[in-house]
Amino acid sequence: MAKVLAALRQHWKKSTFGACLLGWGGHWLYGKHCDNLLRRAACQEAQAFGNQLMPATMPLKKATVFLNPAACKGKAGNLFEKNAAPILHLSGLDVTVVKTDYEGQAKKLLELMENTDLIIIAGGDGTVQEVITGLLRRADEAAFSKIPIGFIPLGKTCTLSHTLYPESTNQVQHITNATLAILKGETVPLDVLQIKGKKEQPVFAVSGLRWGSYRDAAVKASKYWYLGPLKTKAAHFFSTFKEWPQKHQAALMYLGPTERPPEELEEKSSRPPLYVRLYRRLRSYWSSPKEFPQEVAPEDWEELKLSTIELSIATRNRQLDLTRTEDCMDICIEAESVSKGEFVHRGSQKMRDPLMCPEGSQHIRASRCILQLAEGTAGSFGIDNEEYEAMPVEVKLLPRKLRFFCDPRMREQLLQPAVQ
């Protein structure tokens, strides 16, 4: 023992390095063990769903998974196979996994998709945006938009996960919780933005649209990867070397919020007999006078000339409120008078919350808007963190258009204000 202690004291540098390496290795192995325990517990819970008895005449529910293997720097495929796929297969669902090979493929595949009971999106914000765009471009979108959608967060940016699932620092737990939420069946309605240019087909978004200097600088942050945690500040700092202050000029026309109609009852009453329906139709035909079409009141458009450092048009899905009485989207017009230091500091904040509306900005609530850009305007839009060419667009709110699976605990929190 004395010889061992003497050797450790004589080679204290190697001993310290070895102790640190051993400690790190032990911590890594313990983390892997905890992840395996989480996976096992999730699979046992999923198996309980699969063991439930069902009538022999009832077909299995069909789930179509759209997986983007390139998400999370190419790790999404492995994350799905290890954490989500076993849960789905043990649950008793008839699972079909569709892997996308290139950007935009999900939109084309949705056009060819046959009937399914569930749609599951495994990826990040870009995958969500592609799937819902392909879904809502279908000719029969009225029927397909009623199919519930599950979201398994596997991408680098997963904005919806903050709305649908509790926060978790453990990636395995976050993925397994999201997959189990699909099996539990609780859903919440989410708003969708329809963004349409003059020539191209509409694009749909569940988060929002950004146009401005913060977005342009954030896109270039990856170029400064060698600066580590300072890459974001560097991207915004070097962006200030351009013409300053940076102005984005446009004309905005918008309509105010609309009143939210009551929820439609899911359970419809049974259809009356044929003779009752014939009697009602004859009675309505002979008794009711002919109604002439009423004149539609002109829409009350507001017009605004704007000059801003950044403009954002966002849904209210981030702060989801199931009890609100009006439907609207939030338009944030940020002041152009920003110092360079404030621009760099606020740019770092917007990397964490891209659609934040800072103090001093003009905030407008609208149900529909038309954005007219100045002639010769260059640059790009960020639509759900995906890049699109900047052009004049019409943005229309589609309230409660899609239903997404969510964790039951999150749904209880959203309904809590109504109970109090």
Protein backbone atom coordinates (compact mmCIF):
# COMPACT_ATOMS: atom_id res chain seq x y z
CA MET A 1 0.00 0.00 0.00
CA ALA A 2 2.87 2.33 0.87
CA LYS A 3 4.45 1.63 -2.53
CA VAL A 4 1.17 2.49 -4.29
CA LEU A 5 0.83 5.77 -2.41
CA ALA A 6 4.47 6.60 -3.11
CA ALA A 7 3.98 5.90 -6.81
CA LEU A 8 0.85 8.06 -6.91
CA ARG A 9 2.65 10.89 -5.19
CA GLN A 10 5.66 10.57 -7.47
CA HIS A 11 3.50 10.61 -10.64
CA TRP A 12 0.79 12.96 -9.35
CA LYS A 13 0.07 14.46 -12.80
CA LYS A 14 -0.67 11.08 -14.37
CA SER A 15 -2.62 10.06 -11.27
CA THR A 16 -4.77 13.19 -11.43
CA PHE A 17 -5.45 12.71 -15.14
CA GLY A 18 -6.32 9.04 -14.60
CA ALA A 19 -8.68 9.90 -11.72
CA CYS A 20 -10.45 12.51 -13.83
CA LEU A 21 -10.73 10.09 -16.75
CA LEU A 22 -12.06 7.36 -14.48
CA GLY A 23 -14.61 9.73 -12.95
CA TRP A 24 -15.80 10.93 -16.35
CA GLY A 25 -16.08 7.34 -17.59
CA GLY A 26 -18.08 6.32 -14.54
CA HIS A 27 -20.43 9.29 -14.98
CA TRP A 28 -20.90 8.43 -18.68
CA LEU A 29 -21.68 4.78 -17.90
CA TYR A 30 -24.14 5.81 -15.19
CA GLY A 31 -25.90 8.13 -17.65
CA LYS A 32 -26.20 5.30 -20.18
CA HIS A 33 -27.63 3.05 -17.47
CA CYS A 34 -30.23 5.69 -16.53
CA ASP A 35 -31.19 6.10 -20.20
CA ASN A 36 -31.73 2.35 -20.51
CA LEU A 37 -33.95 2.40 -17.43
CA LEU A 38 -36.04 5.20 -18.99
CA ARG A 39 -36.39 3.24 -22.23
CA ARG A 40 -37.40 0.07 -20.35
CA ALA A 41 -40.05 1.92 -18.31
CA ALA A 42 -41.46 3.56 -21.45
CA CYS A 43 -41.62 0.21 -23.28
CA GLN A 44 -43.44 -1.40 -20.34
CA GLU A 45 -45.99 1.43 -20.39
CA ALA A 46 -46.40 1.07 -24.16
CA GLN A 47 -46.87 -2.69 -23.83
CA ALA A 48 -49.85 -2.05 -21.55
CA PHE A 49 -51.53 -0.28 -24.47
CA GLY A 50 -50.66 -3.15 -26.80
CA ASN A 51 -52.08 -5.77 -24.43
CA GLN A 52 -55.53 -4.16 -24.34
CA LEU A 53 -58.28 -6.38 -25.75
CA MET A 54 -60.11 -5.23 -28.86
CA PRO A 55 -62.93 -6.72 -30.99
CA ALA A 56 -61.79 -9.16 -33.68
CA THR A 57 -63.60 -7.14 -36.35
CA MET A 58 -61.84 -3.89 -35.45
CA PRO A 59 -58.76 -3.21 -37.61
CA LEU A 60 -55.49 -2.00 -36.12
CA LYS A 61 -54.94 1.72 -36.10
CA LYS A 62 -52.55 2.73 -38.85
CA ALA A 63 -49.81 5.22 -38.00
CA THR A 64 -47.67 6.82 -40.72
CA VAL A 65 -44.33 8.17 -39.46
CA PHE A 66 -42.46 10.78 -41.50
CA LEU A 67 -38.85 10.54 -40.33
CA ASN A 68 -36.12 12.98 -41.31
CA PRO A 69 -32.84 11.08 -40.70
CA ALA A 70 -30.80 14.22 -41.46
CA ALA A 71 -32.22 16.12 -38.48
CA CYS A 72 -30.02 16.77 -35.43
CA LYS A 73 -26.88 16.64 -37.62
CA GLY A 74 -27.72 13.17 -38.93
CA LYS A 75 -28.47 11.62 -35.52
CA ALA A 76 -32.27 11.61 -35.83
CA GLY A 77 -32.49 8.15 -37.39
CA ASN A 78 -30.53 6.54 -34.57
CA LEU A 79 -32.47 8.49 -31.91
CA PHE A 80 -35.77 7.32 -33.40
CA GLU A 81 -34.76 3.65 -33.65
CA LYS A 82 -33.46 3.51 -30.07
CA ASN A 83 -36.06 5.61 -28.23
CA ALA A 84 -39.32 5.93 -30.21
CA ALA A 85 -39.64 2.94 -32.57
CA PRO A 86 -39.83 0.23 -29.84
CA ILE A 87 -42.61 2.16 -28.05
CA LEU A 88 -44.68 2.51 -31.23
CA HIS A 89 -44.33 -1.15 -32.20
CA LEU A 90 -45.20 -2.39 -28.68
CA SER A 91 -48.32 -0.21 -28.56
CA GLY A 92 -50.23 -2.35 -31.08
CA LEU A 93 -50.22 0.25 -33.87
CA ASP A 94 -49.70 -0.68 -37.49
CA VAL A 95 -46.63 1.50 -38.03
CA THR A 96 -45.31 2.57 -41.43
CA VAL A 97 -42.06 4.58 -41.37
CA VAL A 98 -41.39 6.87 -44.34
CA LYS A 99 -37.83 8.22 -44.42
CA THR A 100 -37.16 11.41 -46.36
CA ASP A 101 -34.00 11.59 -48.47
CA TYR A 102 -33.94 15.26 -49.47
CA GLU A 103 -35.47 18.61 -48.57
CA GLY A 104 -39.05 19.01 -49.79
CA GLN A 105 -39.68 15.29 -50.27
CA ALA A 106 -42.21 15.14 -47.43
CA LYS A 107 -44.46 17.60 -49.30
CA LYS A 108 -44.53 15.32 -52.34
CA LEU A 109 -45.06 12.16 -50.29
CA LEU A 110 -48.07 13.71 -48.55
CA GLU A 111 -49.76 14.15 -51.91
CA LEU A 112 -49.59 10.37 -52.45
CA MET A 113 -50.41 9.29 -48.90
CA GLU A 114 -53.40 7.00 -48.51
CA ASN A 115 -55.79 6.98 -45.58
CA THR A 116 -54.20 6.72 -42.17
CA ASP A 117 -55.41 7.06 -38.60
CA LEU A 118 -52.38 8.92 -37.22
CA ILE A 119 -49.65 11.07 -38.70
CA ILE A 120 -46.40 11.18 -36.72
CA ILE A 121 -43.65 13.69 -37.50
CA ALA A 122 -40.17 12.67 -36.32
CA GLY A 123 -37.71 15.51 -36.82
CA GLY A 124 -37.45 19.23 -36.16
CA ASP A 125 -39.23 22.44 -37.15
CA GLY A 126 -38.35 21.98 -40.83
CA THR A 127 -39.91 18.52 -40.94
CA VAL A 128 -43.09 19.81 -39.26
CA GLN A 129 -43.34 22.66 -41.74
CA GLU A 130 -42.92 20.32 -44.73
CA VAL A 131 -45.47 17.78 -43.51
CA ILE A 132 -48.22 20.26 -42.67
CA THR A 133 -47.62 22.11 -45.96
CA GLY A 134 -47.98 18.89 -47.93
CA LEU A 135 -51.02 17.92 -45.88
CA LEU A 136 -52.88 21.22 -46.35
CA ARG A 137 -52.06 21.42 -50.07
CA ARG A 138 -54.05 18.26 -50.76
CA ALA A 139 -57.34 18.56 -52.62
CA ASP A 140 -59.03 16.65 -49.78
CA GLU A 141 -57.33 18.63 -47.02
CA ALA A 142 -60.66 19.24 -45.27
CA ALA A 143 -60.82 15.55 -44.39
CA PHE A 144 -57.08 14.93 -43.90
CA SER A 145 -56.64 17.96 -41.62
CA LYS A 146 -58.84 16.19 -39.06
CA ILE A 147 -56.29 13.38 -38.66
CA PRO A 148 -54.48 13.85 -35.32
CA ILE A 149 -50.76 14.56 -35.58
CA GLY A 150 -48.00 13.43 -33.26
CA PHE A 151 -44.64 15.16 -32.98
CA ILE A 152 -41.47 13.39 -31.84
CA PRO A 153 -38.79 16.08 -31.30
CA LEU A 154 -35.55 14.89 -32.91
CA GLY A 155 -34.26 18.06 -34.58
CA LYS A 156 -31.95 20.82 -33.49
CA THR A 157 -34.86 23.27 -33.18
CA CYS A 158 -38.18 21.89 -31.93
CA THR A 159 -40.36 24.89 -31.13
CA LEU A 160 -43.59 22.88 -30.75
CA SER A 161 -42.13 20.64 -28.06
CA HIS A 162 -42.28 23.52 -25.55
CA THR A 163 -46.04 23.75 -26.10
CA LEU A 164 -46.88 20.05 -26.22
CA TYR A 165 -44.56 18.45 -23.64
CA PRO A 166 -43.02 19.29 -20.24
CA GLU A 167 -39.47 20.61 -20.25
CA SER A 168 -36.78 17.97 -19.78
CA THR A 169 -32.99 18.22 -19.83
CA ASN A 170 -32.68 14.51 -20.66
CA GLN A 171 -33.06 13.91 -24.39
CA VAL A 172 -34.10 10.26 -24.00
CA GLN A 173 -36.81 11.16 -21.51
CA HIS A 174 -38.05 13.98 -23.74
CA ILE A 175 -38.37 11.67 -26.76
CA THR A 176 -40.02 8.82 -24.82
CA ASN A 177 -42.49 11.22 -23.16
CA ALA A 178 -43.45 12.62 -26.57
CA THR A 179 -43.96 9.13 -28.01
CA LEU A 180 -46.06 7.98 -25.04
CA ALA A 181 -48.20 11.14 -25.34
CA ILE A 182 -49.25 9.91 -28.80
CA LEU A 183 -50.51 6.65 -27.28
CA LYS A 184 -52.43 8.42 -24.49
CA GLY A 185 -54.55 10.22 -27.09
CA GLU A 186 -54.88 13.72 -25.59
CA THR A 187 -54.88 16.43 -28.28
CA VAL A 188 -54.92 20.22 -28.46
CA PRO A 189 -55.94 22.40 -31.44
CA LEU A 190 -53.18 24.53 -32.96
CA ASP A 191 -53.43 27.54 -35.25
CA VAL A 192 -51.78 27.53 -38.68
CA LEU A 193 -50.58 30.41 -40.84
CA GLN A 194 -51.22 30.23 -44.58
CA ILE A 195 -48.51 32.21 -46.37
CA LYS A 196 -49.12 32.78 -50.06
CA GLY A 197 -47.21 34.68 -52.71
CA LYS A 198 -48.57 35.81 -56.05
CA LYS A 199 -47.35 32.86 -58.11
CA GLU A 200 -46.28 29.97 -55.89
CA GLN A 201 -48.41 27.54 -53.89
CA PRO A 202 -49.10 28.50 -50.28
CA VAL A 203 -46.74 27.53 -47.48
CA PHE A 204 -48.10 26.71 -44.02
CA ALA A 205 -46.49 27.36 -40.64
CA VAL A 206 -47.34 26.58 -37.02
CA SER A 207 -44.85 29.05 -35.47
CA GLY A 208 -44.49 32.07 -37.69
CA LEU A 209 -42.62 34.21 -40.22
CA ARG A 210 -39.52 36.37 -39.61
CA TRP A 211 -38.01 39.01 -41.85
CA GLY A 212 -35.16 41.25 -40.79
CA SER A 213 -31.60 41.72 -39.58
CA TYR A 214 -31.69 39.41 -36.57
CA ARG A 215 -32.79 36.50 -38.71
CA ASP A 216 -30.16 37.23 -41.37
CA ALA A 217 -27.39 37.36 -38.75
CA ALA A 218 -28.58 34.18 -36.99
CA VAL A 219 -28.37 32.22 -40.27
CA LYS A 220 -24.66 33.09 -40.53
CA ALA A 221 -23.82 32.07 -36.95
CA SER A 222 -22.74 28.57 -38.03
CA LYS A 223 -19.92 30.14 -40.12
CA TYR A 224 -18.20 31.15 -36.88
CA TRP A 225 -18.27 27.65 -35.35
CA TYR A 226 -14.59 27.96 -34.39
CA LEU A 227 -15.53 30.63 -31.80
CA GLY A 228 -17.60 28.15 -29.81
CA PRO A 229 -20.19 29.82 -27.54
CA LEU A 230 -19.23 33.26 -28.93
CA LYS A 231 -20.30 32.42 -32.49
CA THR A 232 -23.77 33.99 -32.07
CA LYS A 233 -22.42 37.28 -30.75
CA ALA A 234 -19.77 37.28 -33.47
CA ALA A 235 -22.37 36.82 -36.23
CA HIS A 236 -24.44 39.77 -34.96
CA PHE A 237 -21.33 41.89 -34.29
CA PHE A 238 -19.95 41.48 -37.82
CA SER A 239 -23.44 42.13 -39.18
CA THR A 240 -23.25 45.67 -37.77
CA PHE A 241 -20.37 46.46 -40.16
CA LYS A 242 -22.96 46.75 -42.93
CA GLU A 243 -24.98 49.88 -43.54
CA TRP A 244 -26.24 51.07 -40.17
CA PRO A 245 -28.95 51.40 -39.01
CA GLN A 246 -30.32 48.47 -40.98
CA LYS A 247 -33.83 49.27 -42.23
CA HIS A 248 -36.45 47.03 -43.78
CA GLN A 249 -39.24 49.03 -45.40
CA ALA A 250 -42.64 47.68 -46.40
CA ALA A 251 -46.36 48.39 -46.44
CA LEU A 252 -48.68 46.36 -44.23
CA MET A 253 -52.44 45.95 -44.56
CA TYR A 254 -54.28 43.94 -41.93
CA LEU A 255 -57.66 42.94 -40.53
CA GLY A 256 -58.35 42.79 -36.80
CA PRO A 257 -59.00 39.68 -34.68
CA THR A 258 -62.10 37.57 -35.21
CA GLU A 259 -64.44 36.20 -32.60
CA ARG A 260 -63.85 32.54 -31.82
CA PRO A 261 -66.84 30.33 -32.63
CA PRO A 262 -67.87 27.65 -30.13
CA GLU A 263 -66.33 24.18 -30.38
CA GLU A 264 -68.21 21.82 -32.66
CA LEU A 265 -69.59 18.75 -30.95
CA GLU A 266 -67.71 15.64 -31.96
CA GLU A 267 -70.61 13.32 -31.30
CA LYS A 268 -73.37 13.92 -33.81
CA SER A 269 -76.94 12.85 -33.17
CA SER A 270 -78.19 9.77 -35.00
CA ARG A 271 -79.70 10.35 -38.44
CA PRO A 272 -83.53 10.55 -38.38
CA PRO A 273 -85.65 8.13 -40.45
CA LEU A 274 -86.30 8.78 -44.14
CA TYR A 275 -89.93 9.87 -43.75
CA VAL A 276 -88.92 12.45 -41.10
CA ARG A 277 -86.26 13.91 -43.38
CA LEU A 278 -88.69 14.10 -46.30
CA TYR A 279 -91.29 15.82 -44.14
CA ARG A 280 -88.80 18.40 -42.86
CA ARG A 281 -87.53 19.16 -46.35
CA LEU A 282 -91.04 19.63 -47.79
CA ARG A 283 -92.08 21.79 -44.87
CA SER A 284 -89.02 24.03 -45.22
CA TYR A 285 -89.55 24.30 -48.98
CA TRP A 286 -93.23 25.37 -48.82
CA SER A 287 -93.21 27.42 -45.63
CA SER A 288 -89.99 29.42 -45.73
CA PRO A 289 -89.87 32.41 -48.10
CA LYS A 290 -87.12 32.71 -50.64
CA GLU A 291 -84.13 34.40 -49.10
CA PHE A 292 -82.19 36.84 -51.18
CA PRO A 293 -78.43 36.95 -50.68
CA GLN A 294 -77.44 39.67 -48.28
CA GLU A 295 -74.81 42.19 -49.20
CA VAL A 296 -71.49 41.41 -47.61
CA ALA A 297 -70.10 44.28 -45.60
CA PRO A 298 -66.74 45.53 -46.87
CA GLU A 299 -63.75 44.39 -44.87
CA ASP A 300 -62.22 47.04 -42.65
CA TRP A 301 -58.56 46.98 -43.68
CA GLU A 302 -55.97 49.02 -41.80
CA GLU A 303 -52.90 50.22 -43.69
CA LEU A 304 -49.49 50.97 -42.25
CA LYS A 305 -46.15 52.07 -43.69
CA LEU A 306 -43.32 50.56 -41.72
CA SER A 307 -39.56 50.83 -41.41
CA THR A 308 -38.17 48.27 -39.01
CA ILE A 309 -35.08 46.28 -38.12
CA GLU A 310 -37.18 43.10 -37.99
CA LEU A 311 -40.79 42.08 -38.53
CA SER A 312 -42.35 38.88 -37.21
CA ILE A 313 -45.81 37.37 -37.72
CA ALA A 314 -46.47 34.59 -35.23
CA THR A 315 -49.25 32.29 -34.09
CA ARG A 316 -50.21 32.08 -30.46
CA ASN A 317 -49.24 28.43 -30.21
CA ARG A 318 -46.28 29.27 -27.98
CA GLN A 319 -48.57 30.70 -25.28
CA LEU A 320 -51.47 28.40 -26.03
CA ASP A 321 -54.73 29.37 -24.30
CA LEU A 322 -57.65 27.02 -24.87
CA THR A 323 -60.05 29.44 -23.14
CA ARG A 324 -59.48 32.57 -25.26
CA THR A 325 -62.51 34.08 -27.00
CA GLU A 326 -60.88 35.52 -30.12
CA ASP A 327 -58.62 34.24 -32.87
CA CYS A 328 -55.62 36.28 -33.99
CA MET A 329 -51.95 36.23 -34.89
CA ASP A 330 -49.33 38.54 -33.39
CA ILE A 331 -47.47 41.01 -35.62
CA CYS A 332 -44.36 42.53 -34.03
CA ILE A 333 -42.71 45.55 -35.67
CA GLU A 334 -39.42 46.26 -33.93
CA ALA A 335 -38.02 49.79 -33.74
CA GLU A 336 -35.17 50.53 -36.13
CA SER A 337 -33.39 52.80 -33.64
CA VAL A 338 -31.22 50.18 -31.96
CA SER A 339 -27.61 50.64 -30.89
CA LYS A 340 -25.00 48.15 -32.08
CA GLY A 341 -24.40 46.85 -28.57
CA GLU A 342 -28.12 46.31 -28.01
CA PHE A 343 -28.36 44.59 -31.39
CA VAL A 344 -25.67 42.07 -30.42
CA HIS A 345 -27.21 41.45 -27.00
CA ARG A 346 -30.76 41.07 -28.33
CA GLY A 347 -29.54 38.82 -31.12
CA SER A 348 -28.36 36.29 -28.53
CA GLN A 349 -31.78 36.40 -26.85
CA LYS A 350 -33.52 35.83 -30.18
CA MET A 351 -31.48 32.70 -30.80
CA ARG A 352 -33.26 31.18 -27.78
CA ASP A 353 -36.67 32.71 -28.56
CA PRO A 354 -36.75 33.75 -32.25
CA LEU A 355 -40.27 35.21 -32.15
CA MET A 356 -39.88 37.31 -29.01
CA CYS A 357 -41.29 40.84 -29.23
CA PRO A 358 -39.00 43.18 -27.23
CA GLU A 359 -40.14 46.27 -25.35
CA GLY A 360 -40.62 49.35 -27.47
CA SER A 361 -41.92 47.37 -30.45
CA GLN A 362 -45.27 47.97 -32.12
CA HIS A 363 -47.59 45.03 -31.48
CA ILE A 364 -50.60 44.34 -33.72
CA ARG A 365 -53.19 41.59 -33.45
CA ALA A 366 -54.67 40.51 -36.77
CA SER A 367 -56.52 37.67 -38.45
CA ARG A 368 -55.17 38.38 -41.93
CA CYS A 369 -52.51 40.64 -43.39
CA ILE A 370 -50.84 41.57 -46.67
CA LEU A 371 -47.13 42.45 -46.66
CA GLN A 372 -45.97 44.53 -49.62
CA LEU A 373 -42.19 44.84 -49.86
CA ALA A 374 -40.40 47.77 -51.43
CA GLU A 375 -39.35 47.25 -55.03
CA GLY A 376 -35.95 45.58 -55.38
CA THR A 377 -36.01 44.16 -51.85
CA ALA A 378 -33.53 41.33 -51.40
CA GLY A 379 -33.11 38.89 -48.54
CA SER A 380 -35.11 35.96 -47.22
CA PHE A 381 -37.98 35.07 -44.94
CA GLY A 382 -37.65 32.58 -42.12
CA ILE A 383 -40.83 30.48 -42.03
CA ASP A 384 -40.70 28.03 -39.13
CA ASN A 385 -36.88 28.34 -39.27
CA GLU A 386 -36.86 27.40 -42.98
CA GLU A 387 -35.50 29.89 -45.53
CA TYR A 388 -37.72 31.26 -48.32
CA GLU A 389 -37.16 34.07 -50.80
CA ALA A 390 -38.57 37.39 -49.62
CA MET A 391 -41.54 38.52 -51.71
CA PRO A 392 -44.95 40.19 -51.24
CA VAL A 393 -47.15 37.74 -49.36
CA GLU A 394 -50.61 37.38 -47.90
CA VAL A 395 -50.71 35.76 -44.46
CA LYS A 396 -53.99 34.29 -43.29
CA LEU A 397 -54.73 32.73 -39.92
CA LEU A 398 -56.39 29.30 -39.96
CA PRO A 399 -57.57 29.02 -36.35
CA ARG A 400 -57.52 25.60 -34.68
CA LYS A 401 -56.80 23.98 -38.04
CA LEU A 402 -54.80 20.96 -36.83
CA ARG A 403 -54.91 18.79 -33.71
CA PHE A 404 -51.61 17.69 -32.18
CA PHE A 405 -51.10 15.07 -29.50
CA CYS A 406 -49.85 16.52 -26.23
CA ASP A 407 -48.87 15.33 -22.78
CA PRO A 408 -51.98 15.09 -20.53
CA ARG A 409 -50.20 17.18 -17.88
CA MET A 410 -49.75 20.04 -20.35
CA ARG A 411 -53.41 19.87 -21.35
CA GLU A 412 -54.44 20.13 -17.70
CA GLN A 413 -52.30 23.24 -17.30
CA LEU A 414 -53.86 24.80 -20.41
CA LEU A 415 -57.38 24.16 -19.08
CA GLN A 416 -56.54 25.31 -15.55
CA PRO A 417 -57.63 28.98 -16.03
CA ALA A 418 -61.11 27.75 -17.06
CA VAL A 419 -61.46 25.76 -13.83
CA GLN A 420 -60.44 28.57 -11.50
